[in-house]
Amino acid sequence: MKKSLLVLALVATFAPMLAQAEAGDWVVRARAVNISPDEDSRLGKTVNKNVARVMSPGAELSVDSNTIPELDISYYITKNIAAELILALGSKHDVSIKGEAGAVVPNQLLGSVDALPPTLTAQWHFNPDQTIDPYVGAGVNYTVMLDRNLNLRKGPLAGSKIKIDSDSWGYALQAGVDINLKDGWLINADVKYVTIDTDVKLKVGGKWTKIDSLDIDPWVIGFGIGKKF
């Protein structure tokens, strides 16, 4: 009984100081995020069809992961509904040929690309008045390819230029949790799945030829802190 009374007293003491969200509130979060591509590549099949039979059909483009800082700004439309704009610095990723590349065009590093992926989501917060406030969200993503030039470095086509052909519109799914602290501060954990689709082209004989339809589709996992205003 005494323990129960003590818990109730602590809740009553700290509850007024928690960062409770209200309509019209702004929240700024700073996160460290790991961007881990879940790519789907058809490089070998497309090269053999559009250029020449120089690769195994199992050859793929691989995009490595990266960890970057992220800033996001949320606006609470109601106590439970928030709109979040996710801003991040460009994320640089190495791009390689992997899999069964074959003897003619071997596995190799092609270079790196720099992607800027601003994302807008609408969130539903389940417990905005509680210490632990989980949420889910969905929205749209537009990825700008800032540095999209690659090169073949090995094999008979060494020196040939490769480019990421286009920017990408996609959707984003999101889930996370805010742990509300005193004076408007909070701790945040967040995971997003973002679709990023683009064509990849090779310059052969002065002409750009499609060699892959690359779906990058990264998982973005972040941890950080935030402040309500």
C-alpha atoms as a PDB file:
ATOM      1  CA  MET A   1       0.000   0.000   0.000  1.00  0.00           C
ATOM      2  CA  LYS A   2       2.806   2.408   0.919  1.00  0.00           C
ATOM      3  CA  LYS A   3       4.605   1.625  -2.370  1.00  0.00           C
ATOM      4  CA  SER A   4       1.429   2.339  -4.345  1.00  0.00           C
ATOM      5  CA  LEU A   5       0.972   5.671  -2.595  1.00  0.00           C
ATOM      6  CA  LEU A   6       4.608   6.552  -3.317  1.00  0.00           C
ATOM      7  CA  VAL A   7       4.203   5.796  -7.051  1.00  0.00           C
ATOM      8  CA  LEU A   8       1.034   7.915  -7.219  1.00  0.00           C
ATOM      9  CA  ALA A   9       2.825  10.757  -5.451  1.00  0.00           C
ATOM     10  CA  LEU A  10       5.719  10.646  -7.925  1.00  0.00           C
ATOM     11  CA  VAL A  11       3.350  10.632 -10.922  1.00  0.00           C
ATOM     12  CA  ALA A  12       1.438  13.571  -9.489  1.00  0.00           C
ATOM     13  CA  THR A  13       4.676  15.453  -8.905  1.00  0.00           C
ATOM     14  CA  PHE A  14       6.218  14.993 -12.347  1.00  0.00           C
ATOM     15  CA  ALA A  15       3.158  14.865 -14.631  1.00  0.00           C
ATOM     16  CA  PRO A  16       2.701  18.679 -14.838  1.00  0.00           C
ATOM     17  CA  MET A  17       6.305  19.066 -15.955  1.00  0.00           C
ATOM     18  CA  LEU A  18       6.158  16.583 -18.837  1.00  0.00           C
ATOM     19  CA  ALA A  19       6.341  17.831 -22.444  1.00  0.00           C
ATOM     20  CA  GLN A  20       2.672  17.389 -23.307  1.00  0.00           C
ATOM     21  CA  ALA A  21       1.808  18.160 -26.914  1.00  0.00           C
ATOM     22  CA  GLU A  22      -1.021  20.534 -27.824  1.00  0.00           C
ATOM     23  CA  ALA A  23      -2.443  21.806 -31.126  1.00  0.00           C
ATOM     24  CA  GLY A  24      -0.170  24.520 -32.470  1.00  0.00           C
ATOM     25  CA  ASP A  25       3.005  23.153 -30.860  1.00  0.00           C
ATOM     26  CA  TRP A  26       6.267  22.953 -32.790  1.00  0.00           C
ATOM     27  CA  VAL A  27       8.854  20.251 -32.124  1.00  0.00           C
ATOM     28  CA  VAL A  28      12.447  20.304 -33.369  1.00  0.00           C
ATOM     29  CA  ARG A  29      14.368  17.023 -33.228  1.00  0.00           C
ATOM     30  CA  ALA A  30      18.033  16.276 -33.935  1.00  0.00           C
ATOM     31  CA  ARG A  31      18.824  12.648 -34.738  1.00  0.00           C
ATOM     32  CA  ALA A  32      21.724  10.461 -35.767  1.00  0.00           C
ATOM     33  CA  VAL A  33      20.324   8.183 -38.479  1.00  0.00           C
ATOM     34  CA  ASN A  34      21.655   5.097 -40.184  1.00  0.00           C
ATOM     35  CA  ILE A  35      20.546   4.752 -43.817  1.00  0.00           C
ATOM     36  CA  SER A  36      20.659   1.093 -44.859  1.00  0.00           C
ATOM     37  CA  PRO A  37      19.585   0.432 -48.485  1.00  0.00           C
ATOM     38  CA  ASP A  38      17.419  -2.607 -49.212  1.00  0.00           C
ATOM     39  CA  GLU A  39      18.202  -2.436 -52.904  1.00  0.00           C
ATOM     40  CA  ASP A  40      16.731  -4.427 -55.772  1.00  0.00           C
ATOM     41  CA  SER A  41      18.964  -4.486 -58.855  1.00  0.00           C
ATOM     42  CA  ARG A  42      18.682  -6.177 -62.248  1.00  0.00           C
ATOM     43  CA  LEU A  43      22.081  -5.090 -63.556  1.00  0.00           C
ATOM     44  CA  GLY A  44      23.295  -8.327 -65.178  1.00  0.00           C
ATOM     45  CA  LYS A  45      20.034  -9.062 -66.988  1.00  0.00           C
ATOM     46  CA  THR A  46      19.667  -5.471 -68.252  1.00  0.00           C
ATOM     47  CA  VAL A  47      23.296  -5.142 -69.406  1.00  0.00           C
ATOM     48  CA  ASN A  48      23.118  -8.435 -71.296  1.00  0.00           C
ATOM     49  CA  LYS A  49      19.897  -7.299 -72.983  1.00  0.00           C
ATOM     50  CA  ASN A  50      20.765  -3.667 -73.794  1.00  0.00           C
ATOM     51  CA  VAL A  51      24.581  -3.644 -74.202  1.00  0.00           C
ATOM     52  CA  ALA A  52      26.288  -7.028 -74.621  1.00  0.00           C
ATOM     53  CA  ARG A  53      26.515 -10.394 -72.894  1.00  0.00           C
ATOM     54  CA  VAL A  54      29.400  -9.431 -70.615  1.00  0.00           C
ATOM     55  CA  MET A  55      27.899 -10.211 -67.180  1.00  0.00           C
ATOM     56  CA  SER A  56      26.272 -13.053 -65.339  1.00  0.00           C
ATOM     57  CA  PRO A  57      22.501 -12.534 -65.052  1.00  0.00           C
ATOM     58  CA  GLY A  58      23.023 -12.513 -61.263  1.00  0.00           C
ATOM     59  CA  ALA A  59      25.223  -9.379 -61.249  1.00  0.00           C
ATOM     60  CA  GLU A  60      23.750  -6.543 -59.180  1.00  0.00           C
ATOM     61  CA  LEU A  61      24.457  -3.001 -58.095  1.00  0.00           C
ATOM     62  CA  SER A  62      25.066  -2.721 -54.349  1.00  0.00           C
ATOM     63  CA  VAL A  63      24.640   0.535 -52.379  1.00  0.00           C
ATOM     64  CA  ASP A  64      26.355   0.691 -48.982  1.00  0.00           C
ATOM     65  CA  SER A  65      24.919   2.145 -45.763  1.00  0.00           C
ATOM     66  CA  ASN A  66      25.854   5.442 -44.092  1.00  0.00           C
ATOM     67  CA  THR A  67      25.200   7.266 -40.808  1.00  0.00           C
ATOM     68  CA  ILE A  68      24.443  10.995 -40.961  1.00  0.00           C
ATOM     69  CA  PRO A  69      22.935  13.780 -38.818  1.00  0.00           C
ATOM     70  CA  GLU A  70      19.269  14.632 -39.401  1.00  0.00           C
ATOM     71  CA  LEU A  71      17.086  17.581 -38.400  1.00  0.00           C
ATOM     72  CA  ASP A  72      13.298  17.415 -38.461  1.00  0.00           C
ATOM     73  CA  ILE A  73      10.536  19.880 -37.622  1.00  0.00           C
ATOM     74  CA  SER A  74       7.036  18.841 -36.540  1.00  0.00           C
ATOM     75  CA  TYR A  75       3.840  20.869 -36.234  1.00  0.00           C
ATOM     76  CA  TYR A  76       0.935  19.541 -34.169  1.00  0.00           C
ATOM     77  CA  ILE A  77      -2.295  20.106 -36.112  1.00  0.00           C
ATOM     78  CA  THR A  78      -4.230  18.582 -33.221  1.00  0.00           C
ATOM     79  CA  LYS A  79      -3.034  17.011 -29.996  1.00  0.00           C
ATOM     80  CA  ASN A  80      -2.696  13.642 -31.742  1.00  0.00           C
ATOM     81  CA  ILE A  81      -1.932  14.593 -35.368  1.00  0.00           C
ATOM     82  CA  ALA A  82       1.412  16.090 -36.369  1.00  0.00           C
ATOM     83  CA  ALA A  83       3.080  16.864 -39.692  1.00  0.00           C
ATOM     84  CA  GLU A  84       6.830  16.239 -39.780  1.00  0.00           C
ATOM     85  CA  LEU A  85       9.318  17.592 -42.329  1.00  0.00           C
ATOM     86  CA  ILE A  86      12.493  15.530 -42.266  1.00  0.00           C
ATOM     87  CA  LEU A  87      15.612  17.367 -43.389  1.00  0.00           C
ATOM     88  CA  ALA A  88      19.007  15.729 -43.760  1.00  0.00           C
ATOM     89  CA  LEU A  89      22.389  16.552 -45.157  1.00  0.00           C
ATOM     90  CA  GLY A  90      23.303  14.768 -48.351  1.00  0.00           C
ATOM     91  CA  SER A  91      24.029  11.098 -47.684  1.00  0.00           C
ATOM     92  CA  LYS A  92      27.014   9.681 -49.572  1.00  0.00           C
ATOM     93  CA  HIS A  93      26.925   5.988 -50.514  1.00  0.00           C
ATOM     94  CA  ASP A  94      29.469   3.799 -52.307  1.00  0.00           C
ATOM     95  CA  VAL A  95      28.070   1.917 -55.309  1.00  0.00           C
ATOM     96  CA  SER A  96      29.610  -1.392 -56.406  1.00  0.00           C
ATOM     97  CA  ILE A  97      29.024  -4.271 -58.784  1.00  0.00           C
ATOM     98  CA  LYS A  98      28.581  -7.441 -56.751  1.00  0.00           C
ATOM     99  CA  GLY A  99      27.217 -10.909 -57.179  1.00  0.00           C
ATOM    100  CA  GLU A 100      28.141 -13.088 -60.129  1.00  0.00           C
ATOM    101  CA  ALA A 101      29.640 -10.372 -62.290  1.00  0.00           C
ATOM    102  CA  GLY A 102      31.448 -12.804 -64.589  1.00  0.00           C
ATOM    103  CA  ALA A 103      34.959 -12.849 -66.046  1.00  0.00           C
ATOM    104  CA  VAL A 104      34.439 -10.045 -68.581  1.00  0.00           C
ATOM    105  CA  VAL A 105      33.196  -7.354 -66.174  1.00  0.00           C
ATOM    106  CA  PRO A 106      34.443  -8.220 -62.656  1.00  0.00           C
ATOM    107  CA  ASN A 107      33.063  -7.129 -59.283  1.00  0.00           C
ATOM    108  CA  GLN A 108      34.270  -3.609 -58.559  1.00  0.00           C
ATOM    109  CA  LEU A 109      33.670  -0.260 -56.863  1.00  0.00           C
ATOM    110  CA  LEU A 110      32.120   2.252 -59.282  1.00  0.00           C
ATOM    111  CA  GLY A 111      32.318   5.327 -57.039  1.00  0.00           C
ATOM    112  CA  SER A 112      29.790   7.036 -54.806  1.00  0.00           C
ATOM    113  CA  VAL A 113      26.539   8.955 -55.085  1.00  0.00           C
ATOM    114  CA  ASP A 114      25.262  11.745 -52.835  1.00  0.00           C
ATOM    115  CA  ALA A 115      21.506  11.754 -52.175  1.00  0.00           C
ATOM    116  CA  LEU A 116      19.421  14.479 -50.487  1.00  0.00           C
ATOM    117  CA  PRO A 117      16.109  12.918 -49.303  1.00  0.00           C
ATOM    118  CA  PRO A 118      13.652  15.491 -47.814  1.00  0.00           C
ATOM    119  CA  THR A 119      10.550  13.684 -46.538  1.00  0.00           C
ATOM    120  CA  LEU A 120       7.146  14.883 -45.317  1.00  0.00           C
ATOM    121  CA  THR A 121       5.010  12.606 -43.129  1.00  0.00           C
ATOM    122  CA  ALA A 122       1.710  12.844 -41.257  1.00  0.00           C
ATOM    123  CA  GLN A 123       1.869  11.207 -37.809  1.00  0.00           C
ATOM    124  CA  TRP A 124      -0.658   9.853 -35.332  1.00  0.00           C
ATOM    125  CA  HIS A 125       0.541  10.140 -31.716  1.00  0.00           C
ATOM    126  CA  PHE A 126      -1.146   7.637 -29.415  1.00  0.00           C
ATOM    127  CA  ASN A 127      -0.304   9.119 -25.994  1.00  0.00           C
ATOM    128  CA  PRO A 128       0.657  12.794 -26.397  1.00  0.00           C
ATOM    129  CA  ASP A 129      -0.107  13.467 -22.716  1.00  0.00           C
ATOM    130  CA  GLN A 130       1.973  10.586 -21.369  1.00  0.00           C
ATOM    131  CA  THR A 131       5.664  10.050 -20.742  1.00  0.00           C
ATOM    132  CA  ILE A 132       5.874   7.368 -23.455  1.00  0.00           C
ATOM    133  CA  ASP A 133       4.208   8.497 -26.691  1.00  0.00           C
ATOM    134  CA  PRO A 134       4.439   6.013 -29.607  1.00  0.00           C
ATOM    135  CA  TYR A 135       3.448   7.141 -33.096  1.00  0.00           C
ATOM    136  CA  VAL A 136       3.056   5.931 -36.669  1.00  0.00           C
ATOM    137  CA  GLY A 137       3.268   7.973 -39.855  1.00  0.00           C
ATOM    138  CA  ALA A 138       3.140   7.921 -43.638  1.00  0.00           C
ATOM    139  CA  GLY A 139       4.095  10.422 -46.292  1.00  0.00           C
ATOM    140  CA  VAL A 140       6.065  11.297 -49.415  1.00  0.00           C
ATOM    141  CA  ASN A 141       9.761  11.492 -50.220  1.00  0.00           C
ATOM    142  CA  TYR A 142      11.637  13.316 -52.965  1.00  0.00           C
ATOM    143  CA  THR A 143      15.259  12.261 -53.340  1.00  0.00           C
ATOM    144  CA  VAL A 144      17.624  14.594 -55.186  1.00  0.00           C
ATOM    145  CA  MET A 145      20.749  12.927 -56.570  1.00  0.00           C
ATOM    146  CA  LEU A 146      23.419  15.574 -56.003  1.00  0.00           C
ATOM    147  CA  ASP A 147      26.429  13.546 -57.195  1.00  0.00           C
ATOM    148  CA  ARG A 148      25.366  10.844 -59.623  1.00  0.00           C
ATOM    149  CA  ASN A 149      28.462  10.088 -61.729  1.00  0.00           C
ATOM    150  CA  LEU A 150      30.162   6.678 -61.564  1.00  0.00           C
ATOM    151  CA  ASN A 151      32.774   4.872 -63.669  1.00  0.00           C
ATOM    152  CA  LEU A 152      33.680   1.331 -64.669  1.00  0.00           C
ATOM    153  CA  ARG A 153      37.254   0.778 -63.476  1.00  0.00           C
ATOM    154  CA  LYS A 154      37.965  -2.811 -64.482  1.00  0.00           C
ATOM    155  CA  GLY A 155      37.330  -4.976 -67.530  1.00  0.00           C
ATOM    156  CA  PRO A 156      37.060  -4.216 -71.253  1.00  0.00           C
ATOM    157  CA  LEU A 157      34.709  -1.278 -70.618  1.00  0.00           C
ATOM    158  CA  ALA A 158      37.035   0.364 -68.059  1.00  0.00           C
ATOM    159  CA  GLY A 159      36.746   4.141 -68.197  1.00  0.00           C
ATOM    160  CA  SER A 160      33.135   4.093 -69.393  1.00  0.00           C
ATOM    161  CA  LYS A 161      30.896   6.539 -67.574  1.00  0.00           C
ATOM    162  CA  ILE A 162      27.839   5.489 -65.560  1.00  0.00           C
ATOM    163  CA  LYS A 163      25.226   7.860 -64.182  1.00  0.00           C
ATOM    164  CA  ILE A 164      22.222   7.746 -61.896  1.00  0.00           C
ATOM    165  CA  ASP A 165      19.726   9.048 -64.397  1.00  0.00           C
ATOM    166  CA  SER A 166      16.970  10.682 -62.360  1.00  0.00           C
ATOM    167  CA  ASP A 167      15.752  12.016 -59.039  1.00  0.00           C
ATOM    168  CA  SER A 168      13.028  10.012 -57.325  1.00  0.00           C
ATOM    169  CA  TRP A 169       9.526  10.457 -55.901  1.00  0.00           C
ATOM    170  CA  GLY A 170       8.452   7.786 -53.414  1.00  0.00           C
ATOM    171  CA  TYR A 171       6.504   7.083 -50.264  1.00  0.00           C
ATOM    172  CA  ALA A 172       7.664   6.788 -46.656  1.00  0.00           C
ATOM    173  CA  LEU A 173       6.330   4.718 -43.757  1.00  0.00           C
ATOM    174  CA  GLN A 174       7.317   5.603 -40.212  1.00  0.00           C
ATOM    175  CA  ALA A 175       7.062   4.381 -36.607  1.00  0.00           C
ATOM    176  CA  GLY A 176       8.681   5.743 -33.494  1.00  0.00           C
ATOM    177  CA  VAL A 177       8.366   6.828 -29.899  1.00  0.00           C
ATOM    178  CA  ASP A 178       8.882  10.079 -28.004  1.00  0.00           C
ATOM    179  CA  ILE A 179       9.858   9.854 -24.337  1.00  0.00           C
ATOM    180  CA  ASN A 180       8.635  13.136 -22.861  1.00  0.00           C
ATOM    181  CA  LEU A 181      10.831  14.804 -20.251  1.00  0.00           C
ATOM    182  CA  LYS A 182      10.649  18.023 -18.260  1.00  0.00           C
ATOM    183  CA  ASP A 183      10.585  21.544 -19.717  1.00  0.00           C
ATOM    184  CA  GLY A 184       9.553  20.473 -23.214  1.00  0.00           C
ATOM    185  CA  TRP A 185      12.510  18.149 -23.853  1.00  0.00           C
ATOM    186  CA  LEU A 186      12.123  14.643 -25.241  1.00  0.00           C
ATOM    187  CA  ILE A 187      14.123  11.605 -26.331  1.00  0.00           C
ATOM    188  CA  ASN A 188      13.211  10.060 -29.672  1.00  0.00           C
ATOM    189  CA  ALA A 189      13.675   6.728 -31.476  1.00  0.00           C
ATOM    190  CA  ASP A 190      12.398   6.422 -35.038  1.00  0.00           C
ATOM    191  CA  VAL A 191      12.408   4.017 -37.983  1.00  0.00           C
ATOM    192  CA  LYS A 192      11.350   4.771 -41.559  1.00  0.00           C
ATOM    193  CA  TYR A 193      11.113   2.793 -44.780  1.00  0.00           C
ATOM    194  CA  VAL A 194      11.581   5.038 -47.836  1.00  0.00           C
ATOM    195  CA  THR A 195      11.161   4.057 -51.493  1.00  0.00           C
ATOM    196  CA  ILE A 196      13.793   5.454 -53.883  1.00  0.00           C
ATOM    197  CA  ASP A 197      13.701   4.239 -57.497  1.00  0.00           C
ATOM    198  CA  THR A 198      15.899   5.366 -60.367  1.00  0.00           C
ATOM    199  CA  ASP A 199      17.388   4.274 -63.698  1.00  0.00           C
ATOM    200  CA  VAL A 200      21.126   3.745 -64.173  1.00  0.00           C
ATOM    201  CA  LYS A 201      22.732   4.366 -67.573  1.00  0.00           C
ATOM    202  CA  LEU A 202      26.076   3.552 -69.223  1.00  0.00           C
ATOM    203  CA  LYS A 203      27.694   5.686 -71.917  1.00  0.00           C
ATOM    204  CA  VAL A 204      28.561   3.415 -74.827  1.00  0.00           C
ATOM    205  CA  GLY A 205      29.690   4.808 -78.193  1.00  0.00           C
ATOM    206  CA  GLY A 206      28.645   8.322 -77.206  1.00  0.00           C
ATOM    207  CA  LYS A 207      25.120   7.187 -76.307  1.00  0.00           C
ATOM    208  CA  TRP A 208      23.565   6.693 -72.856  1.00  0.00           C
ATOM    209  CA  THR A 209      22.056   3.199 -72.540  1.00  0.00           C
ATOM    210  CA  LYS A 210      19.978   1.917 -69.625  1.00  0.00           C
ATOM    211  CA  ILE A 211      21.753  -0.815 -67.641  1.00  0.00           C
ATOM    212  CA  ASP A 212      19.618  -1.060 -64.488  1.00  0.00           C
ATOM    213  CA  SER A 213      16.341  -0.144 -62.825  1.00  0.00           C
ATOM    214  CA  LEU A 214      17.653   0.342 -59.291  1.00  0.00           C
ATOM    215  CA  ASP A 215      15.322   0.355 -56.279  1.00  0.00           C
ATOM    216  CA  ILE A 216      17.370   1.627 -53.312  1.00  0.00           C
ATOM    217  CA  ASP A 217      14.517   1.584 -50.733  1.00  0.00           C
ATOM    218  CA  PRO A 218      16.468   2.250 -47.503  1.00  0.00           C
ATOM    219  CA  TRP A 219      15.584   1.585 -43.892  1.00  0.00           C
ATOM    220  CA  VAL A 220      16.338   4.741 -41.902  1.00  0.00           C
ATOM    221  CA  ILE A 221      16.843   4.162 -38.170  1.00  0.00           C
ATOM    222  CA  GLY A 222      17.430   7.158 -35.923  1.00  0.00           C
ATOM    223  CA  PHE A 223      17.925   8.174 -32.300  1.00  0.00           C
ATOM    224  CA  GLY A 224      18.006  11.704 -30.958  1.00  0.00           C
ATOM    225  CA  ILE A 225      16.597  14.459 -28.774  1.00  0.00           C
ATOM    226  CA  GLY A 226      13.933  17.097 -29.309  1.00  0.00           C
ATOM    227  CA  LYS A 227      12.352  20.216 -27.866  1.00  0.00           C
ATOM    228  CA  LYS A 228       8.716  21.380 -27.907  1.00  0.00           C
ATOM    229  CA  PHE A 229       7.945  25.064 -28.393  1.00  0.00           C
END
